[in-house]
């Protein structure tokens, strides 16, 4: 009788293991479907990914720094032009 009980317990353990494996498979499928649906929903909202946002933010900061440097150069050139007198201003502006 003990071998019969062991066999029943073994069959029950195998059945539980198979059920747990099936449950994990179902869980993975549900997660994948949820992830895909969420990604589709976010794409329809035109949401930007963090990597893209950070790249554009860095480009904007570099452009701002470049604009500041160019503004400083223009101001230095204007100051130098003003220091040379009105005759030099007439030659460079064509007036």
C-alpha atoms as a PDB file:
ATOM      1  CA  UNK A   1       0.000   0.000   0.000  1.00  0.00           C
ATOM      2  CA  UNK A   2       2.895   2.338   0.623  1.00  0.00           C
ATOM      3  CA  UNK A   3       4.002   2.093  -3.005  1.00  0.00           C
ATOM      4  CA  UNK A   4       0.522   3.011  -4.172  1.00  0.00           C
ATOM      5  CA  UNK A   5       0.433   6.033  -1.875  1.00  0.00           C
ATOM      6  CA  UNK A   6       3.903   7.085  -3.030  1.00  0.00           C
ATOM      7  CA  UNK A   7       2.822   6.801  -6.639  1.00  0.00           C
ATOM      8  CA  UNK A   8      -0.240   8.936  -5.983  1.00  0.00           C
ATOM      9  CA  UNK A   9       1.910  11.519  -4.213  1.00  0.00           C
ATOM     10  CA  UNK A  10       4.431  11.438  -7.065  1.00  0.00           C
ATOM     11  CA  UNK A  11       1.647  11.925  -9.614  1.00  0.00           C
ATOM     12  CA  UNK A  12       0.208  14.747  -7.526  1.00  0.00           C
ATOM     13  CA  UNK A  13       3.639  16.414  -7.239  1.00  0.00           C
ATOM     14  CA  UNK A  14       4.166  16.106 -11.017  1.00  0.00           C
ATOM     15  CA  UNK A  15       0.720  17.553 -11.636  1.00  0.00           C
ATOM     16  CA  UNK A  16       1.474  20.511  -9.325  1.00  0.00           C
ATOM     17  CA  UNK A  17       4.848  21.083 -11.029  1.00  0.00           C
ATOM     18  CA  UNK A  18       3.189  21.064 -14.450  1.00  0.00           C
ATOM     19  CA  UNK A  19       0.491  23.431 -13.228  1.00  0.00           C
ATOM     20  CA  UNK A  20       3.110  25.805 -11.814  1.00  0.00           C
ATOM     21  CA  UNK A  21       5.003  25.727 -15.125  1.00  0.00           C
ATOM     22  CA  UNK A  22       1.817  26.428 -17.042  1.00  0.00           C
ATOM     23  CA  UNK A  23       0.980  29.292 -14.682  1.00  0.00           C
ATOM     24  CA  UNK A  24       4.421  30.810 -15.249  1.00  0.00           C
ATOM     25  CA  UNK A  25       3.948  30.512 -19.006  1.00  0.00           C
ATOM     26  CA  UNK A  26       0.576  32.233 -18.790  1.00  0.00           C
ATOM     27  CA  UNK A  27       2.112  34.952 -16.608  1.00  0.00           C
ATOM     28  CA  UNK A  28       4.864  35.582 -19.175  1.00  0.00           C
ATOM     29  CA  UNK A  29       2.314  35.763 -21.977  1.00  0.00           C
ATOM     30  CA  UNK A  30       0.149  38.227 -20.040  1.00  0.00           C
ATOM     31  CA  UNK A  31       3.181  40.383 -19.204  1.00  0.00           C
ATOM     32  CA  UNK A  32       4.304  40.426 -22.853  1.00  0.00           C
ATOM     33  CA  UNK A  33       0.805  41.333 -24.045  1.00  0.00           C
ATOM     34  CA  UNK A  34       0.506  44.052 -21.398  1.00  0.00           C
ATOM     35  CA  UNK A  35       3.920  45.462 -22.294  1.00  0.00           C
ATOM     36  CA  UNK A  36       3.055  45.531 -26.003  1.00  0.00           C
ATOM     37  CA  UNK A  37      -0.317  47.152 -25.369  1.00  0.00           C
ATOM     38  CA  UNK A  38       1.237  49.757 -23.068  1.00  0.00           C
ATOM     39  CA  UNK A  39       3.925  50.546 -25.632  1.00  0.00           C
ATOM     40  CA  UNK A  40       1.283  50.955 -28.354  1.00  0.00           C
ATOM     41  CA  UNK A  41      -0.734  53.243 -26.094  1.00  0.00           C
ATOM     42  CA  UNK A  42       2.307  55.383 -25.231  1.00  0.00           C
ATOM     43  CA  UNK A  43       3.281  55.606 -28.906  1.00  0.00           C
ATOM     44  CA  UNK A  44      -0.201  56.843 -29.749  1.00  0.00           C
ATOM     45  CA  UNK A  45       0.214  59.601 -27.134  1.00  0.00           C
ATOM     46  CA  UNK A  46       3.477  60.763 -28.733  1.00  0.00           C
ATOM     47  CA  UNK A  47       5.384  60.310 -25.475  1.00  0.00           C
ATOM     48  CA  UNK A  48       9.140  60.830 -25.791  1.00  0.00           C
ATOM     49  CA  UNK A  49      11.559  58.275 -24.399  1.00  0.00           C
ATOM     50  CA  UNK A  50      13.918  59.498 -21.698  1.00  0.00           C
ATOM     51  CA  UNK A  51      17.013  58.841 -23.859  1.00  0.00           C
ATOM     52  CA  UNK A  52      15.628  61.015 -26.652  1.00  0.00           C
ATOM     53  CA  UNK A  53      14.664  63.757 -24.194  1.00  0.00           C
ATOM     54  CA  UNK A  54      18.124  63.768 -22.611  1.00  0.00           C
ATOM     55  CA  UNK A  55      19.805  63.942 -26.052  1.00  0.00           C
ATOM     56  CA  UNK A  56      17.692  66.923 -27.131  1.00  0.00           C
ATOM     57  CA  UNK A  57      18.247  68.599 -23.760  1.00  0.00           C
ATOM     58  CA  UNK A  58      22.012  68.262 -24.192  1.00  0.00           C
ATOM     59  CA  UNK A  59      21.841  69.627 -27.756  1.00  0.00           C
ATOM     60  CA  UNK A  60      19.851  72.634 -26.537  1.00  0.00           C
ATOM     61  CA  UNK A  61      22.398  73.340 -23.793  1.00  0.00           C
ATOM     62  CA  UNK A  62      25.263  73.219 -26.317  1.00  0.00           C
ATOM     63  CA  UNK A  63      23.369  75.526 -28.695  1.00  0.00           C
ATOM     64  CA  UNK A  64      22.710  77.961 -25.847  1.00  0.00           C
ATOM     65  CA  UNK A  65      26.428  77.972 -24.929  1.00  0.00           C
ATOM     66  CA  UNK A  66      27.367  78.529 -28.566  1.00  0.00           C
ATOM     67  CA  UNK A  67      24.895  81.431 -28.835  1.00  0.00           C
ATOM     68  CA  UNK A  68      26.356  83.009 -25.693  1.00  0.00           C
ATOM     69  CA  UNK A  69      29.875  82.723 -27.128  1.00  0.00           C
ATOM     70  CA  UNK A  70      28.786  84.267 -30.430  1.00  0.00           C
ATOM     71  CA  UNK A  71      27.018  87.098 -28.618  1.00  0.00           C
ATOM     72  CA  UNK A  72      30.207  87.814 -26.663  1.00  0.00           C
ATOM     73  CA  UNK A  73      32.208  87.906 -29.920  1.00  0.00           C
ATOM     74  CA  UNK A  74      29.714  90.302 -31.526  1.00  0.00           C
ATOM     75  CA  UNK A  75      29.792  92.593 -28.499  1.00  0.00           C
ATOM     76  CA  UNK A  76      33.615  92.572 -28.515  1.00  0.00           C
ATOM     77  CA  UNK A  77      33.704  93.389 -32.227  1.00  0.00           C
ATOM     78  CA  UNK A  78      31.153  96.183 -31.808  1.00  0.00           C
ATOM     79  CA  UNK A  79      33.145  97.619 -28.900  1.00  0.00           C
ATOM     80  CA  UNK A  80      36.359  97.486 -30.924  1.00  0.00           C
ATOM     81  CA  UNK A  81      34.596  99.090 -33.873  1.00  0.00           C
ATOM     82  CA  UNK A  82      33.164 101.846 -31.678  1.00  0.00           C
ATOM     83  CA  UNK A  83      36.609 102.502 -30.184  1.00  0.00           C
ATOM     84  CA  UNK A  84      38.193 103.072 -33.601  1.00  0.00           C
ATOM     85  CA  UNK A  85      35.870 105.997 -34.276  1.00  0.00           C
ATOM     86  CA  UNK A  86      33.006 106.925 -36.541  1.00  0.00           C
ATOM     87  CA  UNK A  87      35.088 106.828 -39.744  1.00  0.00           C
ATOM     88  CA  UNK A  88      35.751 103.105 -39.323  1.00  0.00           C
ATOM     89  CA  UNK A  89      32.053 102.506 -38.649  1.00  0.00           C
ATOM     90  CA  UNK A  90      31.172 104.258 -41.908  1.00  0.00           C
ATOM     91  CA  UNK A  91      33.581 102.052 -43.872  1.00  0.00           C
ATOM     92  CA  UNK A  92      32.306  98.767 -42.379  1.00  0.00           C
ATOM     93  CA  UNK A  93      28.609  99.607 -42.568  1.00  0.00           C
ATOM     94  CA  UNK A  94      28.772 101.309 -45.938  1.00  0.00           C
ATOM     95  CA  UNK A  95      27.274 104.594 -44.679  1.00  0.00           C
END
